[in-house]
């Protein structure tokens, strides 16, 4: 299992604490430093069953600078969104846990972390 985190994020710290408390075997990826490629973002999206706009932090300054709220949310714009996430990783919702069964969850709640642990 791998968890994408921003150490400054309280939800990320909470998820790590719960993983530690449960004795989980996981790898930490500080995705602002070890930026995911477009292909890695596509893989995580497939594992999540979500689209790139579903995991985009649209209130971030970079999102406003890019005008993301006005971008289309359809198959034709998908690659553009993925490119923006790769170029501006701060826009990626966090934390994301890739579970051992090949799925993933956006682990913003204790329930989501426990869901990942149960897979």
PDB file of N, CA and C in Angstrom:
ATOM      1  N   UNK A   1       0.856  -1.164   0.000  1.00  0.00           N
ATOM      2  CA  UNK A   1       0.000   0.000   0.000  1.00  0.00           C
ATOM      3  C   UNK A   1       0.903   1.228   0.000  1.00  0.00           C
ATOM      4  N   UNK A   2       0.450   2.246  -0.721  1.00  0.00           N
ATOM      5  CA  UNK A   2       1.188   3.511  -0.771  1.00  0.00           C
ATOM      6  C   UNK A   2       0.216   4.638  -0.437  1.00  0.00           C
ATOM      7  N   UNK A   3       0.727   5.663   0.246  1.00  0.00           N
ATOM      8  CA  UNK A   3      -0.107   6.818   0.564  1.00  0.00           C
ATOM      9  C   UNK A   3       0.599   8.059   0.049  1.00  0.00           C
ATOM     10  N   UNK A   4      -0.145   8.831  -0.752  1.00  0.00           N
ATOM     11  CA  UNK A   4       0.359  10.110  -1.258  1.00  0.00           C
ATOM     12  C   UNK A   4      -0.022  11.169  -0.241  1.00  0.00           C
ATOM     13  N   UNK A   5       0.981  11.878   0.276  1.00  0.00           N
ATOM     14  CA  UNK A   5       0.707  12.870   1.317  1.00  0.00           C
ATOM     15  C   UNK A   5       1.422  14.190   1.063  1.00  0.00           C
ATOM     16  N   UNK A   6       0.895  15.202   1.710  1.00  0.00           N
ATOM     17  CA  UNK A   6       1.556  16.482   1.923  1.00  0.00           C
ATOM     18  C   UNK A   6       1.700  16.547   3.445  1.00  0.00           C
ATOM     19  N   UNK A   7       2.943  16.530   3.965  1.00  0.00           N
ATOM     20  CA  UNK A   7       3.117  16.494   5.422  1.00  0.00           C
ATOM     21  C   UNK A   7       2.474  17.675   6.151  1.00  0.00           C
ATOM     22  N   UNK A   8       2.226  18.776   5.451  1.00  0.00           N
ATOM     23  CA  UNK A   8       1.599  19.935   6.076  1.00  0.00           C
ATOM     24  C   UNK A   8       0.093  19.769   6.243  1.00  0.00           C
ATOM     25  N   UNK A   9      -0.470  18.729   5.658  1.00  0.00           N
ATOM     26  CA  UNK A   9      -1.920  18.508   5.655  1.00  0.00           C
ATOM     27  C   UNK A   9      -2.349  17.708   6.883  1.00  0.00           C
ATOM     28  N   UNK A  10      -3.299  18.247   7.639  1.00  0.00           N
ATOM     29  CA  UNK A  10      -3.756  17.561   8.846  1.00  0.00           C
ATOM     30  C   UNK A  10      -4.452  16.242   8.517  1.00  0.00           C
ATOM     31  N   UNK A  11      -5.189  16.164   7.424  1.00  0.00           N
ATOM     32  CA  UNK A  11      -5.859  14.917   7.053  1.00  0.00           C
ATOM     33  C   UNK A  11      -4.838  13.840   6.692  1.00  0.00           C
ATOM     34  N   UNK A  12      -3.728  14.254   6.082  1.00  0.00           N
ATOM     35  CA  UNK A  12      -2.651  13.307   5.770  1.00  0.00           C
ATOM     36  C   UNK A  12      -2.017  12.780   7.047  1.00  0.00           C
ATOM     37  N   UNK A  13      -1.752  13.676   7.970  1.00  0.00           N
ATOM     38  CA  UNK A  13      -1.156  13.261   9.249  1.00  0.00           C
ATOM     39  C   UNK A  13      -2.091  12.323  10.009  1.00  0.00           C
ATOM     40  N   UNK A  14      -3.385  12.606   9.971  1.00  0.00           N
ATOM     41  CA  UNK A  14      -4.365  11.735  10.629  1.00  0.00           C
ATOM     42  C   UNK A  14      -4.382  10.347   9.988  1.00  0.00           C
ATOM     43  N   UNK A  15      -4.328  10.309   8.666  1.00  0.00           N
ATOM     44  CA  UNK A  15      -4.334   9.018   7.960  1.00  0.00           C
ATOM     45  C   UNK A  15      -3.094   8.208   8.317  1.00  0.00           C
ATOM     46  N   UNK A  16      -1.932   8.860   8.358  1.00  0.00           N
ATOM     47  CA  UNK A  16      -0.682   8.184   8.726  1.00  0.00           C
ATOM     48  C   UNK A  16      -0.779   7.651  10.158  1.00  0.00           C
ATOM     49  N   UNK A  17      -1.320   8.455  11.051  1.00  0.00           N
ATOM     50  CA  UNK A  17      -1.466   8.026  12.447  1.00  0.00           C
ATOM     51  C   UNK A  17      -2.334   6.773  12.547  1.00  0.00           C
ATOM     52  N   UNK A  18      -3.424   6.744  11.798  1.00  0.00           N
ATOM     53  CA  UNK A  18      -4.312   5.587  11.828  1.00  0.00           C
ATOM     54  C   UNK A  18      -3.622   4.367  11.215  1.00  0.00           C
ATOM     55  N   UNK A  19      -2.928   4.551  10.106  1.00  0.00           N
ATOM     56  CA  UNK A  19      -2.191   3.434   9.503  1.00  0.00           C
ATOM     57  C   UNK A  19      -1.173   2.870  10.495  1.00  0.00           C
ATOM     58  N   UNK A  20      -0.462   3.769  11.179  1.00  0.00           N
ATOM     59  CA  UNK A  20       0.523   3.330  12.176  1.00  0.00           C
ATOM     60  C   UNK A  20      -0.155   2.598  13.330  1.00  0.00           C
ATOM     61  N   UNK A  21      -1.264   3.136  13.805  1.00  0.00           N
ATOM     62  CA  UNK A  21      -1.976   2.518  14.930  1.00  0.00           C
ATOM     63  C   UNK A  21      -2.463   1.111  14.577  1.00  0.00           C
ATOM     64  N   UNK A  22      -2.784   0.909  13.302  1.00  0.00           N
ATOM     65  CA  UNK A  22      -3.279  -0.391  12.846  1.00  0.00           C
ATOM     66  C   UNK A  22      -2.138  -1.322  12.420  1.00  0.00           C
ATOM     67  N   UNK A  23      -0.892  -0.829  12.494  1.00  0.00           N
ATOM     68  CA  UNK A  23       0.251  -1.654  12.114  1.00  0.00           C
ATOM     69  C   UNK A  23       0.333  -1.947  10.629  1.00  0.00           C
ATOM     70  N   UNK A  24      -0.196  -1.048   9.819  1.00  0.00           N
ATOM     71  CA  UNK A  24      -0.217  -1.255   8.361  1.00  0.00           C
ATOM     72  C   UNK A  24       1.186  -1.170   7.768  1.00  0.00           C
ATOM     73  N   UNK A  25       1.401  -1.933   6.714  1.00  0.00           N
ATOM     74  CA  UNK A  25       2.641  -1.897   5.957  1.00  0.00           C
ATOM     75  C   UNK A  25       2.387  -0.983   4.759  1.00  0.00           C
ATOM     76  N   UNK A  26       3.053   0.158   4.732  1.00  0.00           N
ATOM     77  CA  UNK A  26       2.799   1.127   3.668  1.00  0.00           C
ATOM     78  C   UNK A  26       4.069   1.914   3.344  1.00  0.00           C
ATOM     79  N   UNK A  27       4.016   2.558   2.191  1.00  0.00           N
ATOM     80  CA  UNK A  27       5.083   3.440   1.742  1.00  0.00           C
ATOM     81  C   UNK A  27       4.515   4.836   1.626  1.00  0.00           C
ATOM     82  N   UNK A  28       5.259   5.823   2.094  1.00  0.00           N
ATOM     83  CA  UNK A  28       4.834   7.221   1.995  1.00  0.00           C
ATOM     84  C   UNK A  28       5.420   7.831   0.730  1.00  0.00           C
ATOM     85  N   UNK A  29       4.581   8.518  -0.009  1.00  0.00           N
ATOM     86  CA  UNK A  29       5.037   9.290  -1.161  1.00  0.00           C
ATOM     87  C   UNK A  29       4.668  10.745  -0.913  1.00  0.00           C
ATOM     88  N   UNK A  30       5.676  11.563  -0.751  1.00  0.00           N
ATOM     89  CA  UNK A  30       5.458  13.005  -0.610  1.00  0.00           C
ATOM     90  C   UNK A  30       5.324  13.556  -2.023  1.00  0.00           C
ATOM     91  N   UNK A  31       4.094  13.590  -2.498  1.00  0.00           N
ATOM     92  CA  UNK A  31       3.848  13.835  -3.915  1.00  0.00           C
ATOM     93  C   UNK A  31       4.184  15.254  -4.376  1.00  0.00           C
ATOM     94  N   UNK A  32       4.400  16.178  -3.460  1.00  0.00           N
ATOM     95  CA  UNK A  32       4.839  17.516  -3.878  1.00  0.00           C
ATOM     96  C   UNK A  32       6.327  17.506  -4.223  1.00  0.00           C
ATOM     97  N   UNK A  33       7.067  16.558  -3.644  1.00  0.00           N
ATOM     98  CA  UNK A  33       8.499  16.414  -3.923  1.00  0.00           C
ATOM     99  C   UNK A  33       8.737  15.348  -4.989  1.00  0.00           C
ATOM    100  N   UNK A  34       8.033  14.228  -4.875  1.00  0.00           N
ATOM    101  CA  UNK A  34       8.127  13.120  -5.822  1.00  0.00           C
ATOM    102  C   UNK A  34       6.861  13.172  -6.677  1.00  0.00           C
ATOM    103  N   UNK A  35       6.860  14.108  -7.617  1.00  0.00           N
ATOM    104  CA  UNK A  35       5.651  14.445  -8.376  1.00  0.00           C
ATOM    105  C   UNK A  35       5.243  13.278  -9.289  1.00  0.00           C
ATOM    106  N   UNK A  36       3.979  12.872  -9.209  1.00  0.00           N
ATOM    107  CA  UNK A  36       3.515  11.794 -10.084  1.00  0.00           C
ATOM    108  C   UNK A  36       3.498  12.229 -11.549  1.00  0.00           C
ATOM    109  N   UNK A  37       3.827  11.287 -12.416  1.00  0.00           N
ATOM    110  CA  UNK A  37       3.767  11.542 -13.852  1.00  0.00           C
ATOM    111  C   UNK A  37       2.311  11.508 -14.299  1.00  0.00           C
ATOM    112  N   UNK A  38       2.081  11.944 -15.517  1.00  0.00           N
ATOM    113  CA  UNK A  38       0.720  11.874 -16.055  1.00  0.00           C
ATOM    114  C   UNK A  38       0.229  10.431 -16.077  1.00  0.00           C
ATOM    115  N   UNK A  39       1.118   9.486 -16.430  1.00  0.00           N
ATOM    116  CA  UNK A  39       0.715   8.076 -16.456  1.00  0.00           C
ATOM    117  C   UNK A  39       0.377   7.567 -15.061  1.00  0.00           C
ATOM    118  N   UNK A  40       1.143   7.985 -14.047  1.00  0.00           N
ATOM    119  CA  UNK A  40       0.834   7.574 -12.676  1.00  0.00           C
ATOM    120  C   UNK A  40      -0.501   8.153 -12.231  1.00  0.00           C
ATOM    121  N   UNK A  41      -0.789   9.379 -12.625  1.00  0.00           N
ATOM    122  CA  UNK A  41      -2.086   9.986 -12.286  1.00  0.00           C
ATOM    123  C   UNK A  41      -3.210   9.216 -12.971  1.00  0.00           C
ATOM    124  N   UNK A  42      -3.013   8.855 -14.242  1.00  0.00           N
ATOM    125  CA  UNK A  42      -4.026   8.057 -14.941  1.00  0.00           C
ATOM    126  C   UNK A  42      -4.267   6.728 -14.226  1.00  0.00           C
ATOM    127  N   UNK A  43      -3.185   6.081 -13.789  1.00  0.00           N
ATOM    128  CA  UNK A  43      -3.318   4.794 -13.093  1.00  0.00           C
ATOM    129  C   UNK A  43      -4.090   4.955 -11.788  1.00  0.00           C
ATOM    130  N   UNK A  44      -3.774   5.988 -11.018  1.00  0.00           N
ATOM    131  CA  UNK A  44      -4.490   6.217  -9.752  1.00  0.00           C
ATOM    132  C   UNK A  44      -5.950   6.544 -10.022  1.00  0.00           C
ATOM    133  N   UNK A  45      -6.218   7.325 -11.047  1.00  0.00           N
ATOM    134  CA  UNK A  45      -7.612   7.630 -11.391  1.00  0.00           C
ATOM    135  C   UNK A  45      -8.379   6.354 -11.736  1.00  0.00           C
ATOM    136  N   UNK A  46      -7.743   5.459 -12.487  1.00  0.00           N
ATOM    137  CA  UNK A  46      -8.393   4.189 -12.834  1.00  0.00           C
ATOM    138  C   UNK A  46      -8.661   3.378 -11.570  1.00  0.00           C
ATOM    139  N   UNK A  47      -7.699   3.366 -10.652  1.00  0.00           N
ATOM    140  CA  UNK A  47      -7.866   2.623  -9.402  1.00  0.00           C
ATOM    141  C   UNK A  47      -8.958   3.240  -8.533  1.00  0.00           C
ATOM    142  N   UNK A  48      -9.060   4.565  -8.575  1.00  0.00           N
ATOM    143  CA  UNK A  48     -10.095   5.265  -7.804  1.00  0.00           C
ATOM    144  C   UNK A  48     -11.469   5.154  -8.454  1.00  0.00           C
ATOM    145  N   UNK A  49     -11.488   4.979  -9.780  1.00  0.00           N
ATOM    146  CA  UNK A  49     -12.749   5.014 -10.509  1.00  0.00           C
ATOM    147  C   UNK A  49     -13.281   6.434 -10.623  1.00  0.00           C
ATOM    148  N   UNK A  50     -12.355   7.409 -10.673  1.00  0.00           N
ATOM    149  CA  UNK A  50     -12.730   8.825 -10.727  1.00  0.00           C
ATOM    150  C   UNK A  50     -12.116   9.508 -11.945  1.00  0.00           C
ATOM    151  N   UNK A  51     -12.569  10.711 -12.197  1.00  0.00           N
ATOM    152  CA  UNK A  51     -12.017  11.559 -13.251  1.00  0.00           C
ATOM    153  C   UNK A  51     -11.065  12.577 -12.617  1.00  0.00           C
ATOM    154  N   UNK A  52     -10.179  13.182 -13.400  1.00  0.00           N
ATOM    155  CA  UNK A  52      -9.205  14.115 -12.803  1.00  0.00           C
ATOM    156  C   UNK A  52      -9.843  15.292 -12.080  1.00  0.00           C
ATOM    157  N   UNK A  53     -10.948  15.785 -12.584  1.00  0.00           N
ATOM    158  CA  UNK A  53     -11.609  16.921 -11.919  1.00  0.00           C
ATOM    159  C   UNK A  53     -12.192  16.511 -10.566  1.00  0.00           C
ATOM    160  N   UNK A  54     -12.409  15.211 -10.370  1.00  0.00           N
ATOM    161  CA  UNK A  54     -12.930  14.724  -9.088  1.00  0.00           C
ATOM    162  C   UNK A  54     -11.884  14.780  -7.977  1.00  0.00           C
ATOM    163  N   UNK A  55     -10.594  14.787  -8.340  1.00  0.00           N
ATOM    164  CA  UNK A  55      -9.534  14.819  -7.329  1.00  0.00           C
ATOM    165  C   UNK A  55      -8.743  16.124  -7.383  1.00  0.00           C
ATOM    166  N   UNK A  56      -9.325  17.146  -7.999  1.00  0.00           N
ATOM    167  CA  UNK A  56      -8.646  18.436  -8.124  1.00  0.00           C
ATOM    168  C   UNK A  56      -9.110  19.379  -7.026  1.00  0.00           C
ATOM    169  N   UNK A  57      -8.137  19.994  -6.375  1.00  0.00           N
ATOM    170  CA  UNK A  57      -8.403  20.984  -5.332  1.00  0.00           C
ATOM    171  C   UNK A  57      -8.629  22.329  -6.036  1.00  0.00           C
ATOM    172  N   UNK A  58      -9.867  22.613  -6.351  1.00  0.00           N
ATOM    173  CA  UNK A  58     -10.191  23.781  -7.169  1.00  0.00           C
ATOM    174  C   UNK A  58     -10.087  25.113  -6.421  1.00  0.00           C
ATOM    175  N   UNK A  59      -9.901  25.068  -5.111  1.00  0.00           N
ATOM    176  CA  UNK A  59      -9.776  26.322  -4.356  1.00  0.00           C
ATOM    177  C   UNK A  59      -8.323  26.787  -4.217  1.00  0.00           C
ATOM    178  N   UNK A  60      -7.386  25.965  -4.688  1.00  0.00           N
ATOM    179  CA  UNK A  60      -5.969  26.358  -4.636  1.00  0.00           C
ATOM    180  C   UNK A  60      -5.710  27.534  -5.571  1.00  0.00           C
ATOM    181  N   UNK A  61      -4.711  28.334  -5.230  1.00  0.00           N
ATOM    182  CA  UNK A  61      -4.360  29.503  -6.047  1.00  0.00           C
ATOM    183  C   UNK A  61      -4.042  29.097  -7.485  1.00  0.00           C
ATOM    184  N   UNK A  62      -3.318  27.999  -7.665  1.00  0.00           N
ATOM    185  CA  UNK A  62      -2.959  27.549  -9.020  1.00  0.00           C
ATOM    186  C   UNK A  62      -4.208  27.220  -9.834  1.00  0.00           C
ATOM    187  N   UNK A  63      -5.215  26.655  -9.195  1.00  0.00           N
ATOM    188  CA  UNK A  63      -6.462  26.334  -9.893  1.00  0.00           C
ATOM    189  C   UNK A  63      -7.149  27.610 -10.373  1.00  0.00           C
ATOM    190  N   UNK A  64      -7.126  28.609  -9.520  1.00  0.00           N
ATOM    191  CA  UNK A  64      -7.741  29.881  -9.904  1.00  0.00           C
ATOM    192  C   UNK A  64      -6.943  30.549 -11.011  1.00  0.00           C
ATOM    193  N   UNK A  65      -5.604  30.482 -10.909  1.00  0.00           N
ATOM    194  CA  UNK A  65      -4.750  31.061 -11.952  1.00  0.00           C
ATOM    195  C   UNK A  65      -4.981  30.390 -13.302  1.00  0.00           C
ATOM    196  N   UNK A  66      -5.200  29.081 -13.281  1.00  0.00           N
ATOM    197  CA  UNK A  66      -5.431  28.330 -14.513  1.00  0.00           C
ATOM    198  C   UNK A  66      -6.866  28.469 -15.023  1.00  0.00           C
ATOM    199  N   UNK A  67      -7.763  28.952 -14.171  1.00  0.00           N
ATOM    200  CA  UNK A  67      -9.171  29.061 -14.555  1.00  0.00           C
ATOM    201  C   UNK A  67      -9.865  27.713 -14.637  1.00  0.00           C
ATOM    202  N   UNK A  68      -9.468  26.770 -13.767  1.00  0.00           N
ATOM    203  CA  UNK A  68     -10.004  25.404 -13.835  1.00  0.00           C
ATOM    204  C   UNK A  68     -11.522  25.330 -13.721  1.00  0.00           C
ATOM    205  N   UNK A  69     -12.110  26.237 -12.985  1.00  0.00           N
ATOM    206  CA  UNK A  69     -13.576  26.177 -12.828  1.00  0.00           C
ATOM    207  C   UNK A  69     -14.294  26.295 -14.170  1.00  0.00           C
ATOM    208  N   UNK A  70     -13.622  26.908 -15.150  1.00  0.00           N
ATOM    209  CA  UNK A  70     -14.238  27.097 -16.461  1.00  0.00           C
ATOM    210  C   UNK A  70     -13.858  26.013 -17.465  1.00  0.00           C
ATOM    211  N   UNK A  71     -12.973  25.102 -17.073  1.00  0.00           N
ATOM    212  CA  UNK A  71     -12.573  24.036 -17.997  1.00  0.00           C
ATOM    213  C   UNK A  71     -13.706  23.028 -18.147  1.00  0.00           C
ATOM    214  N   UNK A  72     -13.866  22.497 -19.361  1.00  0.00           N
ATOM    215  CA  UNK A  72     -14.880  21.451 -19.539  1.00  0.00           C
ATOM    216  C   UNK A  72     -14.517  20.202 -18.734  1.00  0.00           C
ATOM    217  N   UNK A  73     -15.541  19.504 -18.318  1.00  0.00           N
ATOM    218  CA  UNK A  73     -15.353  18.259 -17.557  1.00  0.00           C
ATOM    219  C   UNK A  73     -15.921  17.129 -18.397  1.00  0.00           C
ATOM    220  N   UNK A  74     -15.160  16.771 -19.423  1.00  0.00           N
ATOM    221  CA  UNK A  74     -15.580  15.708 -20.328  1.00  0.00           C
ATOM    222  C   UNK A  74     -14.348  14.976 -20.857  1.00  0.00           C
ATOM    223  N   UNK A  75     -14.591  13.903 -21.592  1.00  0.00           N
ATOM    224  CA  UNK A  75     -13.502  13.054 -22.077  1.00  0.00           C
ATOM    225  C   UNK A  75     -12.485  13.840 -22.907  1.00  0.00           C
ATOM    226  N   UNK A  76     -12.961  14.816 -23.664  1.00  0.00           N
ATOM    227  CA  UNK A  76     -12.070  15.605 -24.502  1.00  0.00           C
ATOM    228  C   UNK A  76     -11.098  16.471 -23.703  1.00  0.00           C
ATOM    229  N   UNK A  77     -11.463  16.820 -22.481  1.00  0.00           N
ATOM    230  CA  UNK A  77     -10.619  17.680 -21.635  1.00  0.00           C
ATOM    231  C   UNK A  77      -9.812  16.886 -20.613  1.00  0.00           C
ATOM    232  N   UNK A  78     -10.017  15.575 -20.560  1.00  0.00           N
ATOM    233  CA  UNK A  78      -9.391  14.746 -19.526  1.00  0.00           C
ATOM    234  C   UNK A  78      -7.870  14.898 -19.497  1.00  0.00           C
ATOM    235  N   UNK A  79      -7.229  14.809 -20.660  1.00  0.00           N
ATOM    236  CA  UNK A  79      -5.764  14.910 -20.707  1.00  0.00           C
ATOM    237  C   UNK A  79      -5.278  16.287 -20.251  1.00  0.00           C
ATOM    238  N   UNK A  80      -6.035  17.311 -20.557  1.00  0.00           N
ATOM    239  CA  UNK A  80      -5.672  18.665 -20.113  1.00  0.00           C
ATOM    240  C   UNK A  80      -5.678  18.738 -18.587  1.00  0.00           C
ATOM    241  N   UNK A  81      -6.694  18.166 -17.961  1.00  0.00           N
ATOM    242  CA  UNK A  81      -6.787  18.131 -16.499  1.00  0.00           C
ATOM    243  C   UNK A  81      -5.623  17.343 -15.903  1.00  0.00           C
ATOM    244  N   UNK A  82      -5.331  16.174 -16.482  1.00  0.00           N
ATOM    245  CA  UNK A  82      -4.233  15.345 -15.980  1.00  0.00           C
ATOM    246  C   UNK A  82      -2.912  16.088 -16.109  1.00  0.00           C
ATOM    247  N   UNK A  83      -2.717  16.792 -17.217  1.00  0.00           N
ATOM    248  CA  UNK A  83      -1.514  17.593 -17.394  1.00  0.00           C
ATOM    249  C   UNK A  83      -1.391  18.674 -16.335  1.00  0.00           C
ATOM    250  N   UNK A  84      -2.505  19.288 -15.985  1.00  0.00           N
ATOM    251  CA  UNK A  84      -2.495  20.329 -14.948  1.00  0.00           C
ATOM    252  C   UNK A  84      -2.131  19.737 -13.589  1.00  0.00           C
ATOM    253  N   UNK A  85      -2.645  18.553 -13.278  1.00  0.00           N
ATOM    254  CA  UNK A  85      -2.326  17.904 -12.003  1.00  0.00           C
ATOM    255  C   UNK A  85      -0.841  17.539 -11.931  1.00  0.00           C
ATOM    256  N   UNK A  86      -0.282  17.073 -13.045  1.00  0.00           N
ATOM    257  CA  UNK A  86       1.139  16.710 -13.071  1.00  0.00           C
ATOM    258  C   UNK A  86       2.017  17.959 -12.973  1.00  0.00           C
ATOM    259  N   UNK A  87       1.593  19.038 -13.608  1.00  0.00           N
ATOM    260  CA  UNK A  87       2.374  20.282 -13.588  1.00  0.00           C
ATOM    261  C   UNK A  87       2.233  21.037 -12.267  1.00  0.00           C
ATOM    262  N   UNK A  88       1.105  20.847 -11.599  1.00  0.00           N
ATOM    263  CA  UNK A  88       0.808  21.549 -10.343  1.00  0.00           C
ATOM    264  C   UNK A  88       0.312  20.523  -9.314  1.00  0.00           C
ATOM    265  N   UNK A  89       1.208  19.698  -8.761  1.00  0.00           N
ATOM    266  CA  UNK A  89       0.756  18.614  -7.873  1.00  0.00           C
ATOM    267  C   UNK A  89       0.006  19.079  -6.634  1.00  0.00           C
ATOM    268  N   UNK A  90       0.161  20.335  -6.258  1.00  0.00           N
ATOM    269  CA  UNK A  90      -0.585  20.846  -5.106  1.00  0.00           C
ATOM    270  C   UNK A  90      -2.097  20.771  -5.349  1.00  0.00           C
ATOM    271  N   UNK A  91      -2.487  20.653  -6.617  1.00  0.00           N
ATOM    272  CA  UNK A  91      -3.906  20.565  -6.974  1.00  0.00           C
ATOM    273  C   UNK A  91      -4.501  19.182  -6.690  1.00  0.00           C
ATOM    274  N   UNK A  92      -3.658  18.184  -6.443  1.00  0.00           N
ATOM    275  CA  UNK A  92      -4.147  16.823  -6.226  1.00  0.00           C
ATOM    276  C   UNK A  92      -4.718  16.684  -4.815  1.00  0.00           C
ATOM    277  N   UNK A  93      -5.938  16.196  -4.750  1.00  0.00           N
ATOM    278  CA  UNK A  93      -6.591  15.948  -3.461  1.00  0.00           C
ATOM    279  C   UNK A  93      -5.768  14.939  -2.670  1.00  0.00           C
ATOM    280  N   UNK A  94      -5.753  15.072  -1.377  1.00  0.00           N
ATOM    281  CA  UNK A  94      -4.934  14.212  -0.535  1.00  0.00           C
ATOM    282  C   UNK A  94      -5.646  13.890   0.763  1.00  0.00           C
ATOM    283  N   UNK A  95      -5.199  12.837   1.419  1.00  0.00           N
ATOM    284  CA  UNK A  95      -4.258  11.815   0.950  1.00  0.00           C
ATOM    285  C   UNK A  95      -4.953  10.803   0.043  1.00  0.00           C
ATOM    286  N   UNK A  96      -4.158  10.149  -0.782  1.00  0.00           N
ATOM    287  CA  UNK A  96      -4.654   9.055  -1.616  1.00  0.00           C
ATOM    288  C   UNK A  96      -3.902   7.798  -1.201  1.00  0.00           C
ATOM    289  N   UNK A  97      -4.668   6.754  -0.908  1.00  0.00           N
ATOM    290  CA  UNK A  97      -4.071   5.462  -0.560  1.00  0.00           C
ATOM    291  C   UNK A  97      -4.349   4.480  -1.686  1.00  0.00           C
ATOM    292  N   UNK A  98      -3.284   3.866  -2.191  1.00  0.00           N
ATOM    293  CA  UNK A  98      -3.442   2.781  -3.155  1.00  0.00           C
ATOM    294  C   UNK A  98      -3.422   1.481  -2.357  1.00  0.00           C
ATOM    295  N   UNK A  99      -4.516   0.767  -2.404  1.00  0.00           N
ATOM    296  CA  UNK A  99      -4.683  -0.445  -1.602  1.00  0.00           C
ATOM    297  C   UNK A  99      -4.026  -1.647  -2.278  1.00  0.00           C
ATOM    298  N   UNK A 100      -3.790  -2.674  -1.485  1.00  0.00           N
ATOM    299  CA  UNK A 100      -3.113  -3.868  -1.977  1.00  0.00           C
ATOM    300  C   UNK A 100      -3.920  -4.638  -3.017  1.00  0.00           C
ATOM    301  N   UNK A 101      -5.229  -4.426  -3.064  1.00  0.00           N
ATOM    302  CA  UNK A 101      -6.061  -5.173  -4.021  1.00  0.00           C
ATOM    303  C   UNK A 101      -6.152  -4.492  -5.386  1.00  0.00           C
ATOM    304  N   UNK A 102      -5.372  -3.406  -5.590  1.00  0.00           N
ATOM    305  CA  UNK A 102      -5.382  -2.727  -6.881  1.00  0.00           C
ATOM    306  C   UNK A 102      -6.330  -1.553  -6.947  1.00  0.00           C
ATOM    307  N   UNK A 103      -7.065  -1.292  -5.881  1.00  0.00           N
ATOM    308  CA  UNK A 103      -7.956  -0.139  -5.846  1.00  0.00           C
ATOM    309  C   UNK A 103      -7.249   1.011  -5.128  1.00  0.00           C
ATOM    310  N   UNK A 104      -7.944   2.111  -4.989  1.00  0.00           N
ATOM    311  CA  UNK A 104      -7.416   3.265  -4.260  1.00  0.00           C
ATOM    312  C   UNK A 104      -8.580   4.012  -3.640  1.00  0.00           C
ATOM    313  N   UNK A 105      -8.256   4.841  -2.630  1.00  0.00           N
ATOM    314  CA  UNK A 105      -9.266   5.681  -1.998  1.00  0.00           C
ATOM    315  C   UNK A 105      -8.665   7.044  -1.704  1.00  0.00           C
ATOM    316  N   UNK A 106      -9.511   8.070  -1.780  1.00  0.00           N
ATOM    317  CA  UNK A 106      -9.134   9.378  -1.267  1.00  0.00           C
ATOM    318  C   UNK A 106      -9.462   9.299   0.215  1.00  0.00           C
ATOM    319  N   UNK A 107      -8.409   9.288   1.035  1.00  0.00           N
ATOM    320  CA  UNK A 107      -8.544   8.928   2.449  1.00  0.00           C
ATOM    321  C   UNK A 107      -8.656  10.146   3.361  1.00  0.00           C
ATOM    322  N   UNK A 108      -9.660  10.963   3.122  1.00  0.00           N
ATOM    323  CA  UNK A 108      -9.846  12.185   3.905  1.00  0.00           C
ATOM    324  C   UNK A 108     -10.591  11.944   5.214  1.00  0.00           C
ATOM    325  N   UNK A 109     -11.124  10.733   5.382  1.00  0.00           N
ATOM    326  CA  UNK A 109     -11.843  10.413   6.620  1.00  0.00           C
ATOM    327  C   UNK A 109     -11.281   9.128   7.217  1.00  0.00           C
ATOM    328  N   UNK A 110     -11.541   8.932   8.493  1.00  0.00           N
ATOM    329  CA  UNK A 110     -11.111   7.691   9.148  1.00  0.00           C
ATOM    330  C   UNK A 110     -11.762   6.486   8.476  1.00  0.00           C
ATOM    331  N   UNK A 111     -13.022   6.617   8.074  1.00  0.00           N
ATOM    332  CA  UNK A 111     -13.729   5.525   7.420  1.00  0.00           C
ATOM    333  C   UNK A 111     -13.045   5.143   6.114  1.00  0.00           C
ATOM    334  N   UNK A 112     -12.585   6.118   5.345  1.00  0.00           N
ATOM    335  CA  UNK A 112     -11.913   5.841   4.070  1.00  0.00           C
ATOM    336  C   UNK A 112     -10.575   5.130   4.305  1.00  0.00           C
ATOM    337  N   UNK A 113      -9.847   5.536   5.346  1.00  0.00           N
ATOM    338  CA  UNK A 113      -8.584   4.871   5.665  1.00  0.00           C
ATOM    339  C   UNK A 113      -8.860   3.422   6.065  1.00  0.00           C
ATOM    340  N   UNK A 114      -9.870   3.219   6.899  1.00  0.00           N
ATOM    341  CA  UNK A 114     -10.218   1.862   7.316  1.00  0.00           C
ATOM    342  C   UNK A 114     -10.678   1.024   6.129  1.00  0.00           C
ATOM    343  N   UNK A 115     -11.367   1.647   5.190  1.00  0.00           N
ATOM    344  CA  UNK A 115     -11.786   0.945   3.973  1.00  0.00           C
ATOM    345  C   UNK A 115     -10.555   0.456   3.219  1.00  0.00           C
ATOM    346  N   UNK A 116      -9.550   1.303   3.077  1.00  0.00           N
ATOM    347  CA  UNK A 116      -8.318   0.899   2.382  1.00  0.00           C
ATOM    348  C   UNK A 116      -7.621  -0.236   3.127  1.00  0.00           C
ATOM    349  N   UNK A 117      -7.628  -0.167   4.444  1.00  0.00           N
ATOM    350  CA  UNK A 117      -6.991  -1.206   5.244  1.00  0.00           C
ATOM    351  C   UNK A 117      -7.690  -2.559   5.096  1.00  0.00           C
ATOM    352  N   UNK A 118      -8.974  -2.530   4.826  1.00  0.00           N
ATOM    353  CA  UNK A 118      -9.736  -3.776   4.741  1.00  0.00           C
ATOM    354  C   UNK A 118      -9.605  -4.455   3.379  1.00  0.00           C
ATOM    355  N   UNK A 119      -8.967  -3.808   2.448  1.00  0.00           N
ATOM    356  CA  UNK A 119      -8.879  -4.364   1.080  1.00  0.00           C
ATOM    357  C   UNK A 119      -7.700  -5.290   0.925  1.00  0.00           C
TER     358      UNK A 119
END
